[in-house]
Amino acid sequence: MTKTIEIEVFGHRFSLQGEGDEAYFHELAEYVDAQMRTLAKQTRTSTPTKLALLAAINVTDQLFRQQRHKDSGESEMERRVQLLVETIDEHL
C-alpha cells in the first residue's frame, strides 16, 4: 500500500510516495544528507542543487564501483570453477 513519507535532506523537507518500511526511506535520506553535508564542507559550491548533483554523482560512482567489484568477483569465481572442472576431468 502506497503511503506518504516525510523526509528531510539538507534542511529541506520532502514528501515521498512509496511502499515499504518508513525507516528505510529515512535511512536513505540520512545518507544523502550526509553526502551533501560532506560536499558542502569540501567545496565552495553553495547551492543545494549543485550539492545534490555532486552527491548524486558520488553515490552513482559508489554504486558502479560496487557493481564492477561484484562482477569481477563473479568472473574470478567462474574462472576458478572452470579450472577445477578441467582438473577433475583430467584425473577421471
PDB file of N, CA and C in Angstrom:
ATOM      1  N   MET A   1       0.833  -1.173   0.000  1.00  0.00           N
ATOM      2  CA  MET A   1       0.000   0.000   0.000  1.00  0.00           C
ATOM      3  C   MET A   1       0.885   1.245   0.000  1.00  0.00           C
ATOM      4  N   THR A   2       0.638   2.165  -0.913  1.00  0.00           N
ATOM      5  CA  THR A   2       1.416   3.390  -1.023  1.00  0.00           C
ATOM      6  C   THR A   2       1.058   4.335   0.115  1.00  0.00           C
ATOM      7  N   LYS A   3       2.098   4.925   0.700  1.00  0.00           N
ATOM      8  CA  LYS A   3       1.870   5.885   1.776  1.00  0.00           C
ATOM      9  C   LYS A   3       2.785   7.080   1.598  1.00  0.00           C
ATOM     10  N   THR A   4       2.464   8.166   2.262  1.00  0.00           N
ATOM     11  CA  THR A   4       3.272   9.378   2.219  1.00  0.00           C
ATOM     12  C   THR A   4       4.280   9.329   3.353  1.00  0.00           C
ATOM     13  N   ILE A   5       5.539   9.561   3.009  1.00  0.00           N
ATOM     14  CA  ILE A   5       6.629   9.535   3.985  1.00  0.00           C
ATOM     15  C   ILE A   5       7.336  10.876   3.946  1.00  0.00           C
ATOM     16  N   GLU A   6       7.457  11.499   5.093  1.00  0.00           N
ATOM     17  CA  GLU A   6       8.130  12.791   5.203  1.00  0.00           C
ATOM     18  C   GLU A   6       9.603  12.560   5.526  1.00  0.00           C
ATOM     19  N   ILE A   7      10.477  13.175   4.732  1.00  0.00           N
ATOM     20  CA  ILE A   7      11.910  13.088   4.984  1.00  0.00           C
ATOM     21  C   ILE A   7      12.497  14.488   4.962  1.00  0.00           C
ATOM     22  N   GLU A   8      13.725  14.599   5.437  1.00  0.00           N
ATOM     23  CA  GLU A   8      14.441  15.871   5.382  1.00  0.00           C
ATOM     24  C   GLU A   8      15.846  15.618   4.874  1.00  0.00           C
ATOM     25  N   VAL A   9      16.235  16.409   3.884  1.00  0.00           N
ATOM     26  CA  VAL A   9      17.582  16.317   3.311  1.00  0.00           C
ATOM     27  C   VAL A   9      18.125  17.730   3.176  1.00  0.00           C
ATOM     28  N   PHE A  10      19.259  17.968   3.797  1.00  0.00           N
ATOM     29  CA  PHE A  10      19.966  19.244   3.712  1.00  0.00           C
ATOM     30  C   PHE A  10      19.053  20.424   4.093  1.00  0.00           C
ATOM     31  N   GLY A  11      18.255  20.196   5.123  1.00  0.00           N
ATOM     32  CA  GLY A  11      17.389  21.248   5.630  1.00  0.00           C
ATOM     33  C   GLY A  11      16.091  21.443   4.868  1.00  0.00           C
ATOM     34  N   HIS A  12      15.841  20.618   3.887  1.00  0.00           N
ATOM     35  CA  HIS A  12      14.609  20.722   3.096  1.00  0.00           C
ATOM     36  C   HIS A  12      13.744  19.496   3.355  1.00  0.00           C
ATOM     37  N   ARG A  13      12.466  19.755   3.577  1.00  0.00           N
ATOM     38  CA  ARG A  13      11.525  18.665   3.810  1.00  0.00           C
ATOM     39  C   ARG A  13      10.892  18.231   2.494  1.00  0.00           C
ATOM     40  N   PHE A  14      10.729  16.919   2.354  1.00  0.00           N
ATOM     41  CA  PHE A  14      10.134  16.354   1.160  1.00  0.00           C
ATOM     42  C   PHE A  14       9.091  15.324   1.565  1.00  0.00           C
ATOM     43  N   SER A  15       8.068  15.209   0.754  1.00  0.00           N
ATOM     44  CA  SER A  15       7.070  14.159   0.926  1.00  0.00           C
ATOM     45  C   SER A  15       7.260  13.148  -0.192  1.00  0.00           C
ATOM     46  N   LEU A  16       7.463  11.905   0.183  1.00  0.00           N
ATOM     47  CA  LEU A  16       7.644  10.834  -0.791  1.00  0.00           C
ATOM     48  C   LEU A  16       6.429   9.924  -0.771  1.00  0.00           C
ATOM     49  N   GLN A  17       6.097   9.405  -1.916  1.00  0.00           N
ATOM     50  CA  GLN A  17       5.060   8.378  -2.022  1.00  0.00           C
ATOM     51  C   GLN A  17       5.770   7.063  -2.252  1.00  0.00           C
ATOM     52  N   GLY A  18       5.501   6.094  -1.397  1.00  0.00           N
ATOM     53  CA  GLY A  18       6.183   4.831  -1.595  1.00  0.00           C
ATOM     54  C   GLY A  18       5.588   3.714  -0.778  1.00  0.00           C
ATOM     55  N   GLU A  19       6.084   2.544  -1.052  1.00  0.00           N
ATOM     56  CA  GLU A  19       5.703   1.352  -0.313  1.00  0.00           C
ATOM     57  C   GLU A  19       6.932   0.882   0.434  1.00  0.00           C
ATOM     58  N   GLY A  20       6.728   0.259   1.540  1.00  0.00           N
ATOM     59  CA  GLY A  20       7.854  -0.290   2.264  1.00  0.00           C
ATOM     60  C   GLY A  20       8.041   0.373   3.604  1.00  0.00           C
ATOM     61  N   ASP A  21       9.166   0.051   4.187  1.00  0.00           N
ATOM     62  CA  ASP A  21       9.493   0.473   5.537  1.00  0.00           C
ATOM     63  C   ASP A  21       9.860   1.955   5.581  1.00  0.00           C
ATOM     64  N   GLU A  22       9.155   2.709   6.398  1.00  0.00           N
ATOM     65  CA  GLU A  22       9.419   4.139   6.520  1.00  0.00           C
ATOM     66  C   GLU A  22      10.838   4.402   7.028  1.00  0.00           C
ATOM     67  N   ALA A  23      11.306   3.560   7.931  1.00  0.00           N
ATOM     68  CA  ALA A  23      12.661   3.716   8.469  1.00  0.00           C
ATOM     69  C   ALA A  23      13.708   3.610   7.361  1.00  0.00           C
ATOM     70  N   TYR A  24      13.448   2.774   6.370  1.00  0.00           N
ATOM     71  CA  TYR A  24      14.377   2.623   5.254  1.00  0.00           C
ATOM     72  C   TYR A  24      14.482   3.923   4.455  1.00  0.00           C
ATOM     73  N   PHE A  25      13.349   4.571   4.209  1.00  0.00           N
ATOM     74  CA  PHE A  25      13.370   5.843   3.487  1.00  0.00           C
ATOM     75  C   PHE A  25      14.117   6.905   4.286  1.00  0.00           C
ATOM     76  N   HIS A  26      13.959   6.879   5.605  1.00  0.00           N
ATOM     77  CA  HIS A  26      14.691   7.827   6.448  1.00  0.00           C
ATOM     78  C   HIS A  26      16.191   7.542   6.409  1.00  0.00           C
ATOM     79  N   GLU A  27      16.540   6.272   6.372  1.00  0.00           N
ATOM     80  CA  GLU A  27      17.954   5.893   6.264  1.00  0.00           C
ATOM     81  C   GLU A  27      18.547   6.396   4.952  1.00  0.00           C
ATOM     82  N   LEU A  28      17.807   6.240   3.861  1.00  0.00           N
ATOM     83  CA  LEU A  28      18.258   6.758   2.565  1.00  0.00           C
ATOM     84  C   LEU A  28      18.442   8.266   2.614  1.00  0.00           C
ATOM     85  N   ALA A  29      17.465   8.953   3.182  1.00  0.00           N
ATOM     86  CA  ALA A  29      17.520  10.416   3.278  1.00  0.00           C
ATOM     87  C   ALA A  29      18.720  10.848   4.117  1.00  0.00           C
ATOM     88  N   GLU A  30      18.989  10.145   5.212  1.00  0.00           N
ATOM     89  CA  GLU A  30      20.135  10.478   6.057  1.00  0.00           C
ATOM     90  C   GLU A  30      21.450  10.289   5.305  1.00  0.00           C
ATOM     91  N   TYR A  31      21.507   9.273   4.476  1.00  0.00           N
ATOM     92  CA  TYR A  31      22.719   9.029   3.695  1.00  0.00           C
ATOM     93  C   TYR A  31      22.953  10.159   2.692  1.00  0.00           C
ATOM     94  N   VAL A  32      21.906  10.532   1.977  1.00  0.00           N
ATOM     95  CA  VAL A  32      22.019  11.629   1.004  1.00  0.00           C
ATOM     96  C   VAL A  32      22.369  12.928   1.731  1.00  0.00           C
ATOM     97  N   ASP A  33      21.738  13.171   2.860  1.00  0.00           N
ATOM     98  CA  ASP A  33      22.014  14.372   3.650  1.00  0.00           C
ATOM     99  C   ASP A  33      23.485  14.411   4.058  1.00  0.00           C
ATOM    100  N   ALA A  34      24.005  13.283   4.537  1.00  0.00           N
ATOM    101  CA  ALA A  34      25.412  13.221   4.937  1.00  0.00           C
ATOM    102  C   ALA A  34      26.340  13.472   3.756  1.00  0.00           C
ATOM    103  N   GLN A  35      26.000  12.910   2.595  1.00  0.00           N
ATOM    104  CA  GLN A  35      26.802  13.136   1.393  1.00  0.00           C
ATOM    105  C   GLN A  35      26.848  14.624   1.049  1.00  0.00           C
ATOM    106  N   MET A  36      25.683  15.258   1.092  1.00  0.00           N
ATOM    107  CA  MET A  36      25.615  16.682   0.740  1.00  0.00           C
ATOM    108  C   MET A  36      26.358  17.538   1.759  1.00  0.00           C
ATOM    109  N   ARG A  37      26.242  17.215   3.028  1.00  0.00           N
ATOM    110  CA  ARG A  37      26.934  17.993   4.064  1.00  0.00           C
ATOM    111  C   ARG A  37      28.454  17.827   3.960  1.00  0.00           C
ATOM    112  N   THR A  38      28.903  16.631   3.638  1.00  0.00           N
ATOM    113  CA  THR A  38      30.337  16.409   3.442  1.00  0.00           C
ATOM    114  C   THR A  38      30.842  17.243   2.266  1.00  0.00           C
ATOM    115  N   LEU A  39      30.098  17.223   1.168  1.00  0.00           N
ATOM    116  CA  LEU A  39      30.483  18.009  -0.008  1.00  0.00           C
ATOM    117  C   LEU A  39      30.463  19.502   0.292  1.00  0.00           C
ATOM    118  N   ALA A  40      29.491  19.951   1.066  1.00  0.00           N
ATOM    119  CA  ALA A  40      29.398  21.367   1.410  1.00  0.00           C
ATOM    120  C   ALA A  40      30.636  21.829   2.172  1.00  0.00           C
ATOM    121  N   LYS A  41      31.200  20.947   3.004  1.00  0.00           N
ATOM    122  CA  LYS A  41      32.407  21.285   3.758  1.00  0.00           C
ATOM    123  C   LYS A  41      33.649  21.270   2.871  1.00  0.00           C
ATOM    124  N   GLN A  42      33.629  20.451   1.817  1.00  0.00           N
ATOM    125  CA  GLN A  42      34.817  20.248   0.991  1.00  0.00           C
ATOM    126  C   GLN A  42      34.890  21.149  -0.226  1.00  0.00           C
ATOM    127  N   THR A  43      33.779  21.752  -0.620  1.00  0.00           N
ATOM    128  CA  THR A  43      33.765  22.540  -1.854  1.00  0.00           C
ATOM    129  C   THR A  43      33.248  23.941  -1.595  1.00  0.00           C
ATOM    130  N   ARG A  44      33.416  24.770  -2.582  1.00  0.00           N
ATOM    131  CA  ARG A  44      32.895  26.132  -2.492  1.00  0.00           C
ATOM    132  C   ARG A  44      31.499  26.236  -3.088  1.00  0.00           C
ATOM    133  N   THR A  45      31.017  25.131  -3.615  1.00  0.00           N
ATOM    134  CA  THR A  45      29.673  25.104  -4.178  1.00  0.00           C
ATOM    135  C   THR A  45      28.684  25.287  -3.044  1.00  0.00           C
ATOM    136  N   SER A  46      27.854  26.282  -3.168  1.00  0.00           N
ATOM    137  CA  SER A  46      26.975  26.581  -2.048  1.00  0.00           C
ATOM    138  C   SER A  46      25.500  26.308  -2.320  1.00  0.00           C
ATOM    139  N   THR A  47      25.121  26.142  -3.579  1.00  0.00           N
ATOM    140  CA  THR A  47      23.692  25.954  -3.837  1.00  0.00           C
ATOM    141  C   THR A  47      23.307  24.501  -3.579  1.00  0.00           C
ATOM    142  N   PRO A  48      22.158  24.293  -2.970  1.00  0.00           N
ATOM    143  CA  PRO A  48      21.704  22.935  -2.708  1.00  0.00           C
ATOM    144  C   PRO A  48      21.568  22.101  -3.989  1.00  0.00           C
ATOM    145  N   THR A  49      21.198  22.730  -5.075  1.00  0.00           N
ATOM    146  CA  THR A  49      21.048  21.998  -6.337  1.00  0.00           C
ATOM    147  C   THR A  49      22.388  21.437  -6.803  1.00  0.00           C
ATOM    148  N   LYS A  50      23.426  22.250  -6.751  1.00  0.00           N
ATOM    149  CA  LYS A  50      24.748  21.783  -7.168  1.00  0.00           C
ATOM    150  C   LYS A  50      25.265  20.701  -6.226  1.00  0.00           C
ATOM    151  N   LEU A  51      25.046  20.889  -4.931  1.00  0.00           N
ATOM    152  CA  LEU A  51      25.468  19.870  -3.971  1.00  0.00           C
ATOM    153  C   LEU A  51      24.709  18.565  -4.188  1.00  0.00           C
ATOM    154  N   ALA A  52      23.415  18.662  -4.482  1.00  0.00           N
ATOM    155  CA  ALA A  52      22.617  17.455  -4.736  1.00  0.00           C
ATOM    156  C   ALA A  52      23.126  16.728  -5.974  1.00  0.00           C
ATOM    157  N   LEU A  53      23.485  17.483  -7.015  1.00  0.00           N
ATOM    158  CA  LEU A  53      24.010  16.866  -8.235  1.00  0.00           C
ATOM    159  C   LEU A  53      25.347  16.184  -7.958  1.00  0.00           C
ATOM    160  N   LEU A  54      26.229  16.853  -7.227  1.00  0.00           N
ATOM    161  CA  LEU A  54      27.520  16.240  -6.890  1.00  0.00           C
ATOM    162  C   LEU A  54      27.327  15.001  -6.023  1.00  0.00           C
ATOM    163  N   ALA A  55      26.401  15.073  -5.073  1.00  0.00           N
ATOM    164  CA  ALA A  55      26.114  13.908  -4.226  1.00  0.00           C
ATOM    165  C   ALA A  55      25.573  12.760  -5.072  1.00  0.00           C
ATOM    166  N   ALA A  56      24.703  13.067  -6.024  1.00  0.00           N
ATOM    167  CA  ALA A  56      24.148  12.025  -6.897  1.00  0.00           C
ATOM    168  C   ALA A  56      25.257  11.368  -7.718  1.00  0.00           C
ATOM    169  N   ILE A  57      26.187  12.163  -8.216  1.00  0.00           N
ATOM    170  CA  ILE A  57      27.301  11.611  -8.985  1.00  0.00           C
ATOM    171  C   ILE A  57      28.174  10.732  -8.090  1.00  0.00           C
ATOM    172  N   ASN A  58      28.446  11.178  -6.877  1.00  0.00           N
ATOM    173  CA  ASN A  58      29.260  10.379  -5.953  1.00  0.00           C
ATOM    174  C   ASN A  58      28.581   9.057  -5.595  1.00  0.00           C
ATOM    175  N   VAL A  59      27.301   9.116  -5.304  1.00  0.00           N
ATOM    176  CA  VAL A  59      26.570   7.894  -4.949  1.00  0.00           C
ATOM    177  C   VAL A  59      26.517   6.942  -6.145  1.00  0.00           C
ATOM    178  N   THR A  60      26.322   7.489  -7.336  1.00  0.00           N
ATOM    179  CA  THR A  60      26.309   6.668  -8.543  1.00  0.00           C
ATOM    180  C   THR A  60      27.679   6.029  -8.769  1.00  0.00           C
ATOM    181  N   ASP A  61      28.742   6.782  -8.530  1.00  0.00           N
ATOM    182  CA  ASP A  61      30.093   6.238  -8.644  1.00  0.00           C
ATOM    183  C   ASP A  61      30.278   5.083  -7.666  1.00  0.00           C
ATOM    184  N   GLN A  62      29.825   5.243  -6.430  1.00  0.00           N
ATOM    185  CA  GLN A  62      29.916   4.171  -5.444  1.00  0.00           C
ATOM    186  C   GLN A  62      29.163   2.930  -5.919  1.00  0.00           C
ATOM    187  N   LEU A  63      27.975   3.138  -6.446  1.00  0.00           N
ATOM    188  CA  LEU A  63      27.167   2.032  -6.950  1.00  0.00           C
ATOM    189  C   LEU A  63      27.869   1.307  -8.094  1.00  0.00           C
ATOM    190  N   PHE A  64      28.377   2.073  -9.059  1.00  0.00           N
ATOM    191  CA  PHE A  64      29.045   1.467 -10.212  1.00  0.00           C
ATOM    192  C   PHE A  64      30.293   0.696  -9.786  1.00  0.00           C
ATOM    193  N   ARG A  65      31.082   1.287  -8.876  1.00  0.00           N
ATOM    194  CA  ARG A  65      32.291   0.603  -8.408  1.00  0.00           C
ATOM    195  C   ARG A  65      31.934  -0.694  -7.684  1.00  0.00           C
ATOM    196  N   GLN A  66      30.892  -0.654  -6.878  1.00  0.00           N
ATOM    197  CA  GLN A  66      30.440  -1.861  -6.172  1.00  0.00           C
ATOM    198  C   GLN A  66      30.006  -2.934  -7.160  1.00  0.00           C
ATOM    199  N   GLN A  67      29.280  -2.528  -8.190  1.00  0.00           N
ATOM    200  CA  GLN A  67      28.807  -3.474  -9.201  1.00  0.00           C
ATOM    201  C   GLN A  67      29.977  -4.079  -9.971  1.00  0.00           C
ATOM    202  N   ARG A  68      30.952  -3.244 -10.339  1.00  0.00           N
ATOM    203  CA  ARG A  68      32.128  -3.764 -11.048  1.00  0.00           C
ATOM    204  C   ARG A  68      32.906  -4.738 -10.178  1.00  0.00           C
ATOM    205  N   HIS A  69      33.032  -4.402  -8.905  1.00  0.00           N
ATOM    206  CA  HIS A  69      33.736  -5.286  -7.972  1.00  0.00           C
ATOM    207  C   HIS A  69      33.009  -6.624  -7.866  1.00  0.00           C
ATOM    208  N   LYS A  70      31.694  -6.575  -7.764  1.00  0.00           N
ATOM    209  CA  LYS A  70      30.886  -7.799  -7.697  1.00  0.00           C
ATOM    210  C   LYS A  70      31.041  -8.607  -8.979  1.00  0.00           C
ATOM    211  N   ASP A  71      30.936  -7.922 -10.128  1.00  0.00           N
ATOM    212  CA  ASP A  71      31.078  -8.610 -11.418  1.00  0.00           C
ATOM    213  C   ASP A  71      32.460  -9.234 -11.562  1.00  0.00           C
ATOM    214  N   SER A  72      33.478  -8.529 -11.115  1.00  0.00           N
ATOM    215  CA  SER A  72      34.846  -9.028 -11.185  1.00  0.00           C
ATOM    216  C   SER A  72      34.997 -10.279 -10.326  1.00  0.00           C
ATOM    217  N   GLY A  73      34.411 -10.249  -9.140  1.00  0.00           N
ATOM    218  CA  GLY A  73      34.469 -11.408  -8.251  1.00  0.00           C
ATOM    219  C   GLY A  73      33.759 -12.609  -8.839  1.00  0.00           C
ATOM    220  N   GLU A  74      32.616 -12.367  -9.486  1.00  0.00           N
ATOM    221  CA  GLU A  74      31.872 -13.458 -10.113  1.00  0.00           C
ATOM    222  C   GLU A  74      32.674 -14.052 -11.264  1.00  0.00           C
ATOM    223  N   SER A  75      33.331 -13.193 -12.047  1.00  0.00           N
ATOM    224  CA  SER A  75      34.151 -13.681 -13.161  1.00  0.00           C
ATOM    225  C   SER A  75      35.307 -14.528 -12.653  1.00  0.00           C
ATOM    226  N   GLU A  76      35.925 -14.093 -11.568  1.00  0.00           N
ATOM    227  CA  GLU A  76      37.034 -14.837 -10.985  1.00  0.00           C
ATOM    228  C   GLU A  76      36.552 -16.192 -10.469  1.00  0.00           C
ATOM    229  N   MET A  77      35.397 -16.208  -9.845  1.00  0.00           N
ATOM    230  CA  MET A  77      34.840 -17.462  -9.335  1.00  0.00           C
ATOM    231  C   MET A  77      34.536 -18.406 -10.494  1.00  0.00           C
ATOM    232  N   GLU A  78      33.966 -17.897 -11.568  1.00  0.00           N
ATOM    233  CA  GLU A  78      33.668 -18.732 -12.732  1.00  0.00           C
ATOM    234  C   GLU A  78      34.951 -19.305 -13.323  1.00  0.00           C
ATOM    235  N   ARG A  79      36.003 -18.511 -13.375  1.00  0.00           N
ATOM    236  CA  ARG A  79      37.287 -18.973 -13.897  1.00  0.00           C
ATOM    237  C   ARG A  79      37.836 -20.105 -13.033  1.00  0.00           C
ATOM    238  N   ARG A  80      37.747 -19.931 -11.709  1.00  0.00           N
ATOM    239  CA  ARG A  80      38.253 -20.961 -10.801  1.00  0.00           C
ATOM    240  C   ARG A  80      37.431 -22.243 -10.900  1.00  0.00           C
ATOM    241  N   VAL A  81      36.142 -22.120 -11.000  1.00  0.00           N
ATOM    242  CA  VAL A  81      35.283 -23.297 -11.143  1.00  0.00           C
ATOM    243  C   VAL A  81      35.648 -24.043 -12.417  1.00  0.00           C
ATOM    244  N   GLN A  82      35.827 -23.307 -13.501  1.00  0.00           N
ATOM    245  CA  GLN A  82      36.192 -23.935 -14.770  1.00  0.00           C
ATOM    246  C   GLN A  82      37.531 -24.651 -14.655  1.00  0.00           C
ATOM    247  N   LEU A  83      38.492 -24.043 -13.972  1.00  0.00           N
ATOM    248  CA  LEU A  83      39.798 -24.661 -13.762  1.00  0.00           C
ATOM    249  C   LEU A  83      39.663 -25.951 -12.949  1.00  0.00           C
ATOM    250  N   LEU A  84      38.825 -25.915 -11.908  1.00  0.00           N
ATOM    251  CA  LEU A  84      38.598 -27.117 -11.110  1.00  0.00           C
ATOM    252  C   LEU A  84      37.935 -28.218 -11.924  1.00  0.00           C
ATOM    253  N   VAL A  85      36.968 -27.869 -12.734  1.00  0.00           N
ATOM    254  CA  VAL A  85      36.291 -28.847 -13.592  1.00  0.00           C
ATOM    255  C   VAL A  85      37.302 -29.472 -14.555  1.00  0.00           C
ATOM    256  N   GLU A  86      38.153 -28.653 -15.159  1.00  0.00           N
ATOM    257  CA  GLU A  86      39.156 -29.190 -16.085  1.00  0.00           C
ATOM    258  C   GLU A  86      40.132 -30.112 -15.367  1.00  0.00           C
ATOM    259  N   THR A  87      40.529 -29.742 -14.151  1.00  0.00           N
ATOM    260  CA  THR A  87      41.458 -30.570 -13.364  1.00  0.00           C
ATOM    261  C   THR A  87      40.822 -31.902 -13.024  1.00  0.00           C
ATOM    262  N   ILE A  88      39.568 -31.869 -12.615  1.00  0.00           N
ATOM    263  CA  ILE A  88      38.829 -33.110 -12.292  1.00  0.00           C
ATOM    264  C   ILE A  88      38.710 -33.974 -13.528  1.00  0.00           C
ATOM    265  N   ASP A  89      38.347 -33.367 -14.660  1.00  0.00           N
ATOM    266  CA  ASP A  89      38.215 -34.118 -15.906  1.00  0.00           C
ATOM    267  C   ASP A  89      39.518 -34.813 -16.302  1.00  0.00           C
ATOM    268  N   GLU A  90      40.648 -34.120 -16.075  1.00  0.00           N
ATOM    269  CA  GLU A  90      41.943 -34.703 -16.405  1.00  0.00           C
ATOM    270  C   GLU A  90      42.238 -35.946 -15.567  1.00  0.00           C
ATOM    271  N   HIS A  91      41.719 -35.991 -14.364  1.00  0.00           N
ATOM    272  CA  HIS A  91      42.020 -37.104 -13.460  1.00  0.00           C
ATOM    273  C   HIS A  91      40.973 -38.225 -13.497  1.00  0.00           C
ATOM    274  N   LEU A  92      39.979 -38.071 -14.325  1.00  0.00           N
ATOM    275  CA  LEU A  92      38.962 -39.125 -14.426  1.00  0.00           C
ATOM    276  C   LEU A  92      39.246 -40.066 -15.571  1.00  0.00           C
TER     277      LEU A  92
END
